[in-house]
Amino acid sequence: MAKVTMKDIVKASGWSLGTVSRVLSDTAGVNEKARSEVLEAAQKLNYQKNDFASALRQKRPEGILMIVQADGCPIYSRLALLVENRLKAQGKKVTLLNVHHDENEANAAREQMRLSVPGVLLFFGARRNALRTLGRSAVPALCIGVDQSQSGYERLVSYGLFQTEIAQQATEWLFETGAKSIGAILNDRYTFPELDDCFLGVQYAFYSRDQVFVSKERSTMQPSTLRGGYQGLLQLIQQVPDVDAILVGDEAQALGALRAAADLGKRVPEDLAIFALDLTDDSEFAIPRLSGIRRDLDEDAKRIVELALELEGHNWNSLEKPMIEAAWQVRWKESCPKPVHPFTLSVS
């Protein structure tokens, strides 16, 4: 379908190009009849204004806009603060906006663009479908989280983990430790795309062993909190009484699951192995200490700042891959024994 232009609105509304332009730019002094008829025609034609492009024609790009999905994985809020501090230390003007799962990241960007035009956009934990509404963009962007290369957003680079492969690998490791009945405690897969990728990875691991992972039976979706992990294990054991290993989305959930296991009289890892997909150094103080995937957030923040500055300088063409993988490592501690043969999947 051809893109609707202001000339199409001129034909449909009967008003001049100048009047249509002033209405769509929300310029004062336009009579209400003209404004009403132009907006009605624009709505009927499903006109999509390119806020970024029009704003850039009027203003000089300045600063960095960071939009954080506050209800997603806790790592995004922590990482955003580290990035903000590094950027400010370099004298950069930074605007940080927190959005919730019932808000749209693209709309938040548009509203801020009415005030000032950033030199680069940083999205932390943005959902895949959210950025589709931005379409063509004159502002380069970096999305920290899942691969957004298919979003249709131009001049965009993604930075994060290949969650499907990591979750598959972690589930394979649980099988290799001798686990017979594996379950999962994760956040809402229907809201946060990286968690949907995790579920897919678990399913692949089950398929590799000619088994079927029925998510409604062997998993529970819980908030990324201590209580979420606690309630998650209680619910999971009701669903799968013989569960002997769990894959947990993040550190807070894993700590809550440890408490629930103690209250249920289950020994970790003898009765229940726990492997977490997102750990920090704080997990060293858990009893027992947690096994799982660890990221160096300071190193992540350093790399994100480097990428943001490259994009701000309009050097997005120098970045060869649309998805840049963050560094990660496996930490084997007491909550899950290390497999005898911990093979690693290759990520293309």
C-alpha atoms as a PDB file:
ATOM      1  CA  MET A   1       0.000   0.000   0.000  1.00  0.00           C
ATOM      2  CA  ALA A   2       1.365   3.415  -0.999  1.00  0.00           C
ATOM      3  CA  LYS A   3       2.267   5.769   1.813  1.00  0.00           C
ATOM      4  CA  VAL A   4      -0.334   8.470   2.471  1.00  0.00           C
ATOM      5  CA  THR A   5       1.056  11.980   1.952  1.00  0.00           C
ATOM      6  CA  MET A   6      -0.135  15.475   2.812  1.00  0.00           C
ATOM      7  CA  LYS A   7      -1.179  15.918  -0.840  1.00  0.00           C
ATOM      8  CA  ASP A   8      -3.622  13.023  -0.379  1.00  0.00           C
ATOM      9  CA  ILE A   9      -5.085  14.817   2.626  1.00  0.00           C
ATOM     10  CA  VAL A  10      -5.339  18.033   0.591  1.00  0.00           C
ATOM     11  CA  LYS A  11      -7.476  16.191  -1.986  1.00  0.00           C
ATOM     12  CA  ALA A  12      -9.628  14.488   0.625  1.00  0.00           C
ATOM     13  CA  SER A  13     -10.213  17.550   2.820  1.00  0.00           C
ATOM     14  CA  GLY A  14     -10.395  20.302   0.208  1.00  0.00           C
ATOM     15  CA  TRP A  15      -8.032  22.550   2.140  1.00  0.00           C
ATOM     16  CA  SER A  16      -4.747  23.972   0.848  1.00  0.00           C
ATOM     17  CA  LEU A  17      -1.373  22.316   1.359  1.00  0.00           C
ATOM     18  CA  GLY A  18      -0.321  25.135   3.684  1.00  0.00           C
ATOM     19  CA  THR A  19      -3.403  24.684   5.876  1.00  0.00           C
ATOM     20  CA  VAL A  20      -2.947  20.898   5.991  1.00  0.00           C
ATOM     21  CA  SER A  21       0.699  21.339   6.941  1.00  0.00           C
ATOM     22  CA  ARG A  22      -0.151  23.756   9.759  1.00  0.00           C
ATOM     23  CA  VAL A  23      -2.842  21.433  11.139  1.00  0.00           C
ATOM     24  CA  LEU A  24      -0.600  18.368  11.101  1.00  0.00           C
ATOM     25  CA  SER A  25       2.197  20.380  12.731  1.00  0.00           C
ATOM     26  CA  ASP A  26      -0.261  21.531  15.420  1.00  0.00           C
ATOM     27  CA  THR A  27       0.409  25.174  14.586  1.00  0.00           C
ATOM     28  CA  ALA A  28      -1.674  27.781  16.409  1.00  0.00           C
ATOM     29  CA  GLY A  29      -4.031  30.112  14.526  1.00  0.00           C
ATOM     30  CA  VAL A  30      -5.788  27.557  12.288  1.00  0.00           C
ATOM     31  CA  ASN A  31      -9.580  27.872  12.367  1.00  0.00           C
ATOM     32  CA  GLU A  32     -11.433  25.008  14.007  1.00  0.00           C
ATOM     33  CA  LYS A  33     -13.409  24.018  10.904  1.00  0.00           C
ATOM     34  CA  ALA A  34     -10.202  23.532   8.897  1.00  0.00           C
ATOM     35  CA  ARG A  35      -8.522  21.695  11.754  1.00  0.00           C
ATOM     36  CA  SER A  36     -11.483  19.349  12.212  1.00  0.00           C
ATOM     37  CA  GLU A  37     -11.849  18.509   8.520  1.00  0.00           C
ATOM     38  CA  VAL A  38      -8.126  17.986   7.946  1.00  0.00           C
ATOM     39  CA  LEU A  39      -7.790  15.718  10.972  1.00  0.00           C
ATOM     40  CA  GLU A  40     -10.886  13.769   9.926  1.00  0.00           C
ATOM     41  CA  ALA A  41      -9.438  13.223   6.444  1.00  0.00           C
ATOM     42  CA  ALA A  42      -6.067  12.217   7.889  1.00  0.00           C
ATOM     43  CA  GLN A  43      -7.728   9.669  10.166  1.00  0.00           C
ATOM     44  CA  LYS A  44      -9.796   8.143   7.348  1.00  0.00           C
ATOM     45  CA  LEU A  45      -6.675   7.797   5.191  1.00  0.00           C
ATOM     46  CA  ASN A  46      -4.720   6.301   8.144  1.00  0.00           C
ATOM     47  CA  TYR A  47      -2.056   8.964   7.741  1.00  0.00           C
ATOM     48  CA  GLN A  48       1.096   8.229   9.757  1.00  0.00           C
ATOM     49  CA  LYS A  49       3.180  11.275  10.476  1.00  0.00           C
ATOM     50  CA  ASN A  50       6.939  10.779  10.646  1.00  0.00           C
ATOM     51  CA  ASP A  51       7.538  12.645  13.890  1.00  0.00           C
ATOM     52  CA  PHE A  52      11.282  11.992  13.836  1.00  0.00           C
ATOM     53  CA  ALA A  53      11.842  13.297  10.341  1.00  0.00           C
ATOM     54  CA  SER A  54       9.681  16.403  10.788  1.00  0.00           C
ATOM     55  CA  ALA A  55      11.279  17.172  14.130  1.00  0.00           C
ATOM     56  CA  LEU A  56      14.757  16.863  12.665  1.00  0.00           C
ATOM     57  CA  ARG A  57      13.876  19.393   9.974  1.00  0.00           C
ATOM     58  CA  GLN A  58      12.981  21.874  12.693  1.00  0.00           C
ATOM     59  CA  LYS A  59      15.491  21.142  15.450  1.00  0.00           C
ATOM     60  CA  ARG A  60      19.107  20.232  15.855  1.00  0.00           C
ATOM     61  CA  PRO A  61      19.591  16.712  17.310  1.00  0.00           C
ATOM     62  CA  GLU A  62      20.957  16.904  20.820  1.00  0.00           C
ATOM     63  CA  GLY A  63      21.557  14.462  23.639  1.00  0.00           C
ATOM     64  CA  ILE A  64      20.555  10.839  24.143  1.00  0.00           C
ATOM     65  CA  LEU A  65      17.066   9.565  24.943  1.00  0.00           C
ATOM     66  CA  MET A  66      16.864   6.351  26.986  1.00  0.00           C
ATOM     67  CA  ILE A  67      13.541   4.508  27.271  1.00  0.00           C
ATOM     68  CA  VAL A  68      13.423   1.680  29.820  1.00  0.00           C
ATOM     69  CA  GLN A  69      10.779  -1.051  30.092  1.00  0.00           C
ATOM     70  CA  ALA A  70      10.490  -0.885  33.870  1.00  0.00           C
ATOM     71  CA  ASP A  71       8.269  -3.950  34.313  1.00  0.00           C
ATOM     72  CA  GLY A  72      10.522  -6.351  32.401  1.00  0.00           C
ATOM     73  CA  CYS A  73      13.681  -8.090  33.527  1.00  0.00           C
ATOM     74  CA  PRO A  74      15.303  -6.147  36.418  1.00  0.00           C
ATOM     75  CA  ILE A  75      18.587  -6.142  34.534  1.00  0.00           C
ATOM     76  CA  TYR A  76      17.337  -3.409  32.183  1.00  0.00           C
ATOM     77  CA  SER A  77      16.737  -0.797  34.888  1.00  0.00           C
ATOM     78  CA  ARG A  78      20.102  -1.503  36.499  1.00  0.00           C
ATOM     79  CA  LEU A  79      21.908  -1.439  33.182  1.00  0.00           C
ATOM     80  CA  ALA A  80      20.208   1.810  32.149  1.00  0.00           C
ATOM     81  CA  LEU A  81      21.472   3.564  35.277  1.00  0.00           C
ATOM     82  CA  LEU A  82      25.026   2.388  34.618  1.00  0.00           C
ATOM     83  CA  VAL A  83      24.820   3.617  31.015  1.00  0.00           C
ATOM     84  CA  GLU A  84      23.311   6.940  32.101  1.00  0.00           C
ATOM     85  CA  ASN A  85      26.148   7.543  34.572  1.00  0.00           C
ATOM     86  CA  ARG A  86      28.797   6.747  31.959  1.00  0.00           C
ATOM     87  CA  LEU A  87      27.211   9.047  29.381  1.00  0.00           C
ATOM     88  CA  LYS A  88      26.868  11.920  31.846  1.00  0.00           C
ATOM     89  CA  ALA A  89      30.501  11.447  32.874  1.00  0.00           C
ATOM     90  CA  GLN A  90      31.358  12.141  29.233  1.00  0.00           C
ATOM     91  CA  GLY A  91      29.330  15.356  29.300  1.00  0.00           C
ATOM     92  CA  LYS A  92      26.349  13.969  27.391  1.00  0.00           C
ATOM     93  CA  LYS A  93      22.841  15.282  27.923  1.00  0.00           C
ATOM     94  CA  VAL A  94      20.698  12.265  28.887  1.00  0.00           C
ATOM     95  CA  THR A  95      16.943  11.933  29.239  1.00  0.00           C
ATOM     96  CA  LEU A  96      15.732   8.707  30.880  1.00  0.00           C
ATOM     97  CA  LEU A  97      12.090   7.628  30.670  1.00  0.00           C
ATOM     98  CA  ASN A  98      10.606   4.593  32.411  1.00  0.00           C
ATOM     99  CA  VAL A  99       7.592   3.011  30.716  1.00  0.00           C
ATOM    100  CA  HIS A 100       5.368   0.221  31.989  1.00  0.00           C
ATOM    101  CA  HIS A 101       4.004  -2.827  30.188  1.00  0.00           C
ATOM    102  CA  ASP A 102       0.670  -1.095  29.509  1.00  0.00           C
ATOM    103  CA  GLU A 103       2.460   1.839  27.844  1.00  0.00           C
ATOM    104  CA  ASN A 104       3.948   1.969  24.356  1.00  0.00           C
ATOM    105  CA  GLU A 105       7.675   2.623  23.983  1.00  0.00           C
ATOM    106  CA  ALA A 106       7.183   4.246  20.576  1.00  0.00           C
ATOM    107  CA  ASN A 107       4.570   6.651  21.918  1.00  0.00           C
ATOM    108  CA  ALA A 108       6.899   7.604  24.759  1.00  0.00           C
ATOM    109  CA  ALA A 109       9.623   8.388  22.224  1.00  0.00           C
ATOM    110  CA  ARG A 110       7.239  10.479  20.124  1.00  0.00           C
ATOM    111  CA  GLU A 111       6.047  12.526  23.085  1.00  0.00           C
ATOM    112  CA  GLN A 112       9.595  13.297  24.140  1.00  0.00           C
ATOM    113  CA  MET A 113      10.482  14.198  20.553  1.00  0.00           C
ATOM    114  CA  ARG A 114       7.966  17.027  20.732  1.00  0.00           C
ATOM    115  CA  LEU A 115      10.216  18.668  23.318  1.00  0.00           C
ATOM    116  CA  SER A 116      13.668  17.898  21.928  1.00  0.00           C
ATOM    117  CA  VAL A 117      15.255  15.711  19.290  1.00  0.00           C
ATOM    118  CA  PRO A 118      17.893  13.242  20.551  1.00  0.00           C
ATOM    119  CA  GLY A 119      20.997  12.332  18.620  1.00  0.00           C
ATOM    120  CA  VAL A 120      20.359   8.670  19.369  1.00  0.00           C
ATOM    121  CA  LEU A 121      17.652   6.550  20.988  1.00  0.00           C
ATOM    122  CA  LEU A 122      18.397   3.766  23.478  1.00  0.00           C
ATOM    123  CA  PHE A 123      15.587   1.271  24.136  1.00  0.00           C
ATOM    124  CA  PHE A 124      16.069  -1.054  27.135  1.00  0.00           C
ATOM    125  CA  GLY A 125      13.827  -4.128  26.992  1.00  0.00           C
ATOM    126  CA  ALA A 126      11.546  -2.823  24.240  1.00  0.00           C
ATOM    127  CA  ARG A 127       8.954  -5.292  23.001  1.00  0.00           C
ATOM    128  CA  ARG A 128       9.222  -6.365  19.374  1.00  0.00           C
ATOM    129  CA  ASN A 129       5.868  -5.069  18.191  1.00  0.00           C
ATOM    130  CA  ALA A 130       6.271  -1.733  19.970  1.00  0.00           C
ATOM    131  CA  LEU A 131       8.946  -0.425  17.606  1.00  0.00           C
ATOM    132  CA  ARG A 132       7.077  -1.414  14.457  1.00  0.00           C
ATOM    133  CA  THR A 133       4.919   1.684  14.762  1.00  0.00           C
ATOM    134  CA  LEU A 134       7.971   3.931  14.461  1.00  0.00           C
ATOM    135  CA  GLY A 135       8.563   2.804  10.873  1.00  0.00           C
ATOM    136  CA  ARG A 136      11.167   4.848   9.077  1.00  0.00           C
ATOM    137  CA  SER A 137      13.358   6.864  11.386  1.00  0.00           C
ATOM    138  CA  ALA A 138      15.816   9.685  10.958  1.00  0.00           C
ATOM    139  CA  VAL A 139      17.247   9.063  14.436  1.00  0.00           C
ATOM    140  CA  PRO A 140      19.614   6.097  14.886  1.00  0.00           C
ATOM    141  CA  ALA A 141      18.680   3.726  17.693  1.00  0.00           C
ATOM    142  CA  LEU A 142      20.162   0.966  19.816  1.00  0.00           C
ATOM    143  CA  CYS A 143      17.815  -1.641  21.311  1.00  0.00           C
ATOM    144  CA  ILE A 144      19.165  -3.462  24.349  1.00  0.00           C
ATOM    145  CA  GLY A 145      17.359  -6.790  24.592  1.00  0.00           C
ATOM    146  CA  VAL A 146      15.998  -8.969  21.812  1.00  0.00           C
ATOM    147  CA  ASP A 147      16.839  -8.795  18.136  1.00  0.00           C
ATOM    148  CA  GLN A 148      14.761  -5.981  16.600  1.00  0.00           C
ATOM    149  CA  SER A 149      16.182  -6.251  13.069  1.00  0.00           C
ATOM    150  CA  GLN A 150      12.774  -7.229  11.662  1.00  0.00           C
ATOM    151  CA  SER A 151      10.928  -4.320  13.267  1.00  0.00           C
ATOM    152  CA  GLY A 152      11.117  -2.160  10.134  1.00  0.00           C
ATOM    153  CA  TYR A 153      12.913   0.560  12.092  1.00  0.00           C
ATOM    154  CA  GLU A 154      15.720   2.000   9.994  1.00  0.00           C
ATOM    155  CA  ARG A 155      19.173   2.739  11.412  1.00  0.00           C
ATOM    156  CA  LEU A 156      18.678   0.370  14.322  1.00  0.00           C
ATOM    157  CA  VAL A 157      21.158  -1.986  15.977  1.00  0.00           C
ATOM    158  CA  SER A 158      20.296  -4.545  18.677  1.00  0.00           C
ATOM    159  CA  TYR A 159      22.500  -5.602  21.578  1.00  0.00           C
ATOM    160  CA  GLY A 160      21.754  -8.505  23.890  1.00  0.00           C
ATOM    161  CA  LEU A 161      21.756 -12.249  24.430  1.00  0.00           C
ATOM    162  CA  PHE A 162      20.509 -14.984  22.140  1.00  0.00           C
ATOM    163  CA  GLN A 163      18.002 -16.100  24.758  1.00  0.00           C
ATOM    164  CA  THR A 164      16.623 -19.075  22.841  1.00  0.00           C
ATOM    165  CA  GLU A 165      20.039 -20.685  22.492  1.00  0.00           C
ATOM    166  CA  ILE A 166      21.013 -19.937  26.099  1.00  0.00           C
ATOM    167  CA  ALA A 167      17.778 -21.362  27.538  1.00  0.00           C
ATOM    168  CA  GLN A 168      18.159 -24.451  25.347  1.00  0.00           C
ATOM    169  CA  GLN A 169      21.731 -24.888  26.525  1.00  0.00           C
ATOM    170  CA  ALA A 170      20.791 -24.440  30.182  1.00  0.00           C
ATOM    171  CA  THR A 171      18.004 -27.020  29.896  1.00  0.00           C
ATOM    172  CA  GLU A 172      20.399 -29.451  28.221  1.00  0.00           C
ATOM    173  CA  TRP A 173      22.785 -28.969  31.140  1.00  0.00           C
ATOM    174  CA  LEU A 174      19.999 -29.805  33.593  1.00  0.00           C
ATOM    175  CA  PHE A 175      19.332 -33.020  31.674  1.00  0.00           C
ATOM    176  CA  GLU A 176      23.067 -33.774  31.730  1.00  0.00           C
ATOM    177  CA  THR A 177      23.133 -33.480  35.531  1.00  0.00           C
ATOM    178  CA  GLY A 178      20.661 -36.369  35.667  1.00  0.00           C
ATOM    179  CA  ALA A 179      17.439 -34.366  36.061  1.00  0.00           C
ATOM    180  CA  LYS A 180      14.367 -36.384  35.093  1.00  0.00           C
ATOM    181  CA  SER A 181      11.589 -33.851  35.620  1.00  0.00           C
ATOM    182  CA  ILE A 182      12.434 -30.251  34.674  1.00  0.00           C
ATOM    183  CA  GLY A 183      10.205 -27.225  35.235  1.00  0.00           C
ATOM    184  CA  ALA A 184      10.552 -23.459  34.661  1.00  0.00           C
ATOM    185  CA  ILE A 185       9.730 -20.265  36.561  1.00  0.00           C
ATOM    186  CA  LEU A 186       9.816 -17.236  34.266  1.00  0.00           C
ATOM    187  CA  ASN A 187       8.152 -13.858  33.899  1.00  0.00           C
ATOM    188  CA  ASP A 188       5.257 -13.188  31.508  1.00  0.00           C
ATOM    189  CA  ARG A 189       6.260 -14.615  28.104  1.00  0.00           C
ATOM    190  CA  TYR A 190       3.374 -12.838  26.384  1.00  0.00           C
ATOM    191  CA  THR A 191       4.571  -9.396  27.476  1.00  0.00           C
ATOM    192  CA  PHE A 192       8.354  -9.663  27.297  1.00  0.00           C
ATOM    193  CA  PRO A 193       9.846 -11.143  24.099  1.00  0.00           C
ATOM    194  CA  GLU A 194      13.116 -12.373  25.566  1.00  0.00           C
ATOM    195  CA  LEU A 195      11.100 -14.618  27.902  1.00  0.00           C
ATOM    196  CA  ASP A 196       9.099 -16.017  25.008  1.00  0.00           C
ATOM    197  CA  ASP A 197      12.494 -16.818  23.457  1.00  0.00           C
ATOM    198  CA  CYS A 198      13.457 -18.616  26.685  1.00  0.00           C
ATOM    199  CA  PHE A 199      10.363 -20.818  26.561  1.00  0.00           C
ATOM    200  CA  LEU A 200      11.196 -21.680  22.975  1.00  0.00           C
ATOM    201  CA  GLY A 201      14.729 -22.709  23.988  1.00  0.00           C
ATOM    202  CA  VAL A 202      13.393 -25.016  26.696  1.00  0.00           C
ATOM    203  CA  GLN A 203      11.062 -26.627  24.161  1.00  0.00           C
ATOM    204  CA  TYR A 204      13.971 -27.233  21.766  1.00  0.00           C
ATOM    205  CA  ALA A 205      15.944 -28.983  24.516  1.00  0.00           C
ATOM    206  CA  PHE A 206      13.001 -31.268  25.254  1.00  0.00           C
ATOM    207  CA  TYR A 207      12.529 -32.001  21.535  1.00  0.00           C
ATOM    208  CA  SER A 208      16.209 -33.006  21.285  1.00  0.00           C
ATOM    209  CA  ARG A 209      15.424 -35.788  23.754  1.00  0.00           C
ATOM    210  CA  ASP A 210      12.159 -36.825  22.101  1.00  0.00           C
ATOM    211  CA  GLN A 211      10.141 -35.209  24.863  1.00  0.00           C
ATOM    212  CA  VAL A 212       7.477 -32.499  24.801  1.00  0.00           C
ATOM    213  CA  PHE A 213       7.608 -29.492  27.098  1.00  0.00           C
ATOM    214  CA  VAL A 214       3.999 -28.505  27.811  1.00  0.00           C
ATOM    215  CA  SER A 215       4.435 -25.007  29.212  1.00  0.00           C
ATOM    216  CA  LYS A 216       1.041 -24.891  30.967  1.00  0.00           C
ATOM    217  CA  GLU A 217       1.998 -27.989  32.927  1.00  0.00           C
ATOM    218  CA  ARG A 218       5.734 -27.580  33.510  1.00  0.00           C
ATOM    219  CA  SER A 219       6.091 -23.838  33.954  1.00  0.00           C
ATOM    220  CA  THR A 220       4.637 -20.910  35.829  1.00  0.00           C
ATOM    221  CA  MET A 221       4.814 -17.238  34.916  1.00  0.00           C
ATOM    222  CA  GLN A 222       5.661 -15.026  37.888  1.00  0.00           C
ATOM    223  CA  PRO A 223       6.938 -11.465  38.512  1.00  0.00           C
ATOM    224  CA  SER A 224      10.689 -10.961  38.721  1.00  0.00           C
ATOM    225  CA  THR A 225      10.602 -10.688  42.522  1.00  0.00           C
ATOM    226  CA  LEU A 226      11.462 -12.762  45.580  1.00  0.00           C
ATOM    227  CA  ARG A 227       7.758 -13.423  46.156  1.00  0.00           C
ATOM    228  CA  GLY A 228       7.353 -14.354  42.499  1.00  0.00           C
ATOM    229  CA  GLY A 229      10.014 -17.049  42.822  1.00  0.00           C
ATOM    230  CA  TYR A 230       8.578 -18.274  46.122  1.00  0.00           C
ATOM    231  CA  GLN A 231       5.017 -18.576  44.821  1.00  0.00           C
ATOM    232  CA  GLY A 232       6.317 -19.954  41.538  1.00  0.00           C
ATOM    233  CA  LEU A 233       7.932 -22.985  43.151  1.00  0.00           C
ATOM    234  CA  LEU A 234       4.880 -23.677  45.322  1.00  0.00           C
ATOM    235  CA  GLN A 235       2.674 -23.615  42.229  1.00  0.00           C
ATOM    236  CA  LEU A 236       5.096 -25.618  40.116  1.00  0.00           C
ATOM    237  CA  ILE A 237       5.298 -28.418  42.682  1.00  0.00           C
ATOM    238  CA  GLN A 238       1.520 -28.615  42.748  1.00  0.00           C
ATOM    239  CA  GLN A 239       1.561 -29.026  38.965  1.00  0.00           C
ATOM    240  CA  VAL A 240       4.600 -31.336  38.820  1.00  0.00           C
ATOM    241  CA  PRO A 241       5.058 -33.086  42.190  1.00  0.00           C
ATOM    242  CA  ASP A 242       8.166 -34.971  41.032  1.00  0.00           C
ATOM    243  CA  VAL A 243      10.019 -31.898  39.693  1.00  0.00           C
ATOM    244  CA  ASP A 244      13.736 -32.274  40.449  1.00  0.00           C
ATOM    245  CA  ALA A 245      15.245 -29.323  38.539  1.00  0.00           C
ATOM    246  CA  ILE A 246      14.058 -25.826  37.639  1.00  0.00           C
ATOM    247  CA  LEU A 247      15.173 -23.181  35.195  1.00  0.00           C
ATOM    248  CA  VAL A 248      14.543 -19.738  36.717  1.00  0.00           C
ATOM    249  CA  GLY A 249      14.423 -16.444  34.835  1.00  0.00           C
ATOM    250  CA  ASP A 250      16.380 -14.166  37.137  1.00  0.00           C
ATOM    251  CA  GLU A 251      18.198 -13.835  40.425  1.00  0.00           C
ATOM    252  CA  ALA A 252      15.264 -12.521  42.477  1.00  0.00           C
ATOM    253  CA  GLN A 253      13.043 -15.413  41.418  1.00  0.00           C
ATOM    254  CA  ALA A 254      15.849 -17.890  42.151  1.00  0.00           C
ATOM    255  CA  LEU A 255      16.319 -16.517  45.687  1.00  0.00           C
ATOM    256  CA  GLY A 256      12.578 -16.781  46.312  1.00  0.00           C
ATOM    257  CA  ALA A 257      12.595 -20.358  45.024  1.00  0.00           C
ATOM    258  CA  LEU A 258      15.452 -21.205  47.415  1.00  0.00           C
ATOM    259  CA  ARG A 259      13.347 -20.001  50.344  1.00  0.00           C
ATOM    260  CA  ALA A 260      10.331 -21.982  49.148  1.00  0.00           C
ATOM    261  CA  ALA A 261      12.467 -25.112  48.765  1.00  0.00           C
ATOM    262  CA  ALA A 262      13.686 -24.739  52.365  1.00  0.00           C
ATOM    263  CA  ASP A 263      10.127 -24.297  53.642  1.00  0.00           C
ATOM    264  CA  LEU A 264       9.053 -27.410  51.733  1.00  0.00           C
ATOM    265  CA  GLY A 265      11.921 -29.431  53.189  1.00  0.00           C
ATOM    266  CA  LYS A 266      13.580 -29.926  49.796  1.00  0.00           C
ATOM    267  CA  ARG A 267      17.365 -30.071  49.727  1.00  0.00           C
ATOM    268  CA  VAL A 268      19.169 -28.082  47.034  1.00  0.00           C
ATOM    269  CA  PRO A 269      20.560 -29.576  44.856  1.00  0.00           C
ATOM    270  CA  GLU A 270      19.989 -33.141  46.107  1.00  0.00           C
ATOM    271  CA  ASP A 271      16.189 -32.947  45.756  1.00  0.00           C
ATOM    272  CA  LEU A 272      15.930 -29.884  43.521  1.00  0.00           C
ATOM    273  CA  ALA A 273      18.567 -28.325  41.249  1.00  0.00           C
ATOM    274  CA  ILE A 274      18.164 -24.598  40.509  1.00  0.00           C
ATOM    275  CA  PHE A 275      19.720 -22.833  37.515  1.00  0.00           C
ATOM    276  CA  ALA A 276      19.129 -19.090  36.927  1.00  0.00           C
ATOM    277  CA  LEU A 277      19.358 -17.259  33.603  1.00  0.00           C
ATOM    278  CA  ASP A 278      20.354 -13.874  35.034  1.00  0.00           C
ATOM    279  CA  LEU A 279      22.784 -13.613  37.945  1.00  0.00           C
ATOM    280  CA  THR A 280      24.819 -10.870  39.586  1.00  0.00           C
ATOM    281  CA  ASP A 281      27.527 -11.073  42.219  1.00  0.00           C
ATOM    282  CA  ASP A 282      24.818 -10.782  44.887  1.00  0.00           C
ATOM    283  CA  SER A 283      24.011 -14.459  44.329  1.00  0.00           C
ATOM    284  CA  GLU A 284      27.309 -15.287  46.042  1.00  0.00           C
ATOM    285  CA  PHE A 285      25.577 -14.536  49.356  1.00  0.00           C
ATOM    286  CA  ALA A 286      22.747 -17.033  48.820  1.00  0.00           C
ATOM    287  CA  ILE A 287      22.712 -20.327  50.733  1.00  0.00           C
ATOM    288  CA  PRO A 288      23.441 -22.379  48.758  1.00  0.00           C
ATOM    289  CA  ARG A 289      25.108 -20.180  46.167  1.00  0.00           C
ATOM    290  CA  LEU A 290      23.361 -20.099  42.798  1.00  0.00           C
ATOM    291  CA  SER A 291      24.448 -21.630  39.515  1.00  0.00           C
ATOM    292  CA  GLY A 292      23.484 -19.805  36.352  1.00  0.00           C
ATOM    293  CA  ILE A 293      24.265 -17.337  33.584  1.00  0.00           C
ATOM    294  CA  ARG A 294      26.199 -14.265  34.670  1.00  0.00           C
ATOM    295  CA  ARG A 295      26.674 -11.036  32.747  1.00  0.00           C
ATOM    296  CA  ASP A 296      29.188  -8.331  33.563  1.00  0.00           C
ATOM    297  CA  LEU A 297      26.911  -5.272  33.668  1.00  0.00           C
ATOM    298  CA  ASP A 298      29.827  -2.842  33.868  1.00  0.00           C
ATOM    299  CA  GLU A 299      31.255  -4.317  30.673  1.00  0.00           C
ATOM    300  CA  ASP A 300      27.799  -4.233  29.078  1.00  0.00           C
ATOM    301  CA  ALA A 301      27.397  -0.570  30.004  1.00  0.00           C
ATOM    302  CA  LYS A 302      30.810   0.260  28.562  1.00  0.00           C
ATOM    303  CA  ARG A 303      29.972  -1.477  25.257  1.00  0.00           C
ATOM    304  CA  ILE A 304      26.522   0.114  25.035  1.00  0.00           C
ATOM    305  CA  VAL A 305      28.011   3.590  25.492  1.00  0.00           C
ATOM    306  CA  GLU A 306      30.558   2.877  22.755  1.00  0.00           C
ATOM    307  CA  LEU A 307      27.794   1.755  20.390  1.00  0.00           C
ATOM    308  CA  ALA A 308      25.593   4.722  21.294  1.00  0.00           C
ATOM    309  CA  LEU A 309      28.377   7.185  20.501  1.00  0.00           C
ATOM    310  CA  GLU A 310      29.018   5.452  17.174  1.00  0.00           C
ATOM    311  CA  LEU A 311      25.357   5.741  16.286  1.00  0.00           C
ATOM    312  CA  GLU A 312      25.204   9.347  17.438  1.00  0.00           C
ATOM    313  CA  GLY A 313      27.994  10.028  14.979  1.00  0.00           C
ATOM    314  CA  HIS A 314      25.795   8.410  12.279  1.00  0.00           C
ATOM    315  CA  ASN A 315      28.214   5.510  11.900  1.00  0.00           C
ATOM    316  CA  TRP A 316      25.520   2.816  11.911  1.00  0.00           C
ATOM    317  CA  ASN A 317      26.767   1.518   8.565  1.00  0.00           C
ATOM    318  CA  SER A 318      30.083   0.571  10.221  1.00  0.00           C
ATOM    319  CA  LEU A 319      28.286  -1.926  12.468  1.00  0.00           C
ATOM    320  CA  GLU A 320      28.321  -5.174  10.517  1.00  0.00           C
ATOM    321  CA  LYS A 321      25.635  -7.138  12.384  1.00  0.00           C
ATOM    322  CA  PRO A 322      22.070  -6.048  13.176  1.00  0.00           C
ATOM    323  CA  MET A 323      22.346  -8.025  16.449  1.00  0.00           C
ATOM    324  CA  ILE A 324      25.479  -7.750  18.581  1.00  0.00           C
ATOM    325  CA  GLU A 325      25.820 -10.435  21.262  1.00  0.00           C
ATOM    326  CA  ALA A 326      26.597  -9.417  24.831  1.00  0.00           C
ATOM    327  CA  ALA A 327      29.280 -11.349  26.684  1.00  0.00           C
ATOM    328  CA  TRP A 328      28.134 -13.969  29.204  1.00  0.00           C
ATOM    329  CA  GLN A 329      29.563 -16.818  31.224  1.00  0.00           C
ATOM    330  CA  VAL A 330      28.305 -19.787  33.207  1.00  0.00           C
ATOM    331  CA  ARG A 331      28.898 -19.867  36.947  1.00  0.00           C
ATOM    332  CA  TRP A 332      28.638 -23.318  38.540  1.00  0.00           C
ATOM    333  CA  LYS A 333      27.932 -23.189  42.273  1.00  0.00           C
ATOM    334  CA  GLU A 334      26.114 -25.345  44.824  1.00  0.00           C
ATOM    335  CA  SER A 335      22.507 -24.958  43.615  1.00  0.00           C
ATOM    336  CA  CYS A 336      23.145 -27.026  40.488  1.00  0.00           C
ATOM    337  CA  PRO A 337      26.015 -29.464  39.892  1.00  0.00           C
ATOM    338  CA  LYS A 338      28.176 -29.023  36.829  1.00  0.00           C
ATOM    339  CA  PRO A 339      27.420 -31.596  34.107  1.00  0.00           C
ATOM    340  CA  VAL A 340      30.097 -34.158  33.355  1.00  0.00           C
ATOM    341  CA  HIS A 341      30.053 -33.091  29.695  1.00  0.00           C
ATOM    342  CA  PRO A 342      28.838 -29.450  29.591  1.00  0.00           C
ATOM    343  CA  PHE A 343      28.883 -29.041  25.794  1.00  0.00           C
ATOM    344  CA  THR A 344      28.064 -25.625  24.394  1.00  0.00           C
ATOM    345  CA  LEU A 345      25.747 -24.824  21.501  1.00  0.00           C
ATOM    346  CA  SER A 346      27.166 -22.680  18.713  1.00  0.00           C
ATOM    347  CA  VAL A 347      25.352 -19.401  18.058  1.00  0.00           C
ATOM    348  CA  SER A 348      25.279 -18.216  14.469  1.00  0.00           C
END
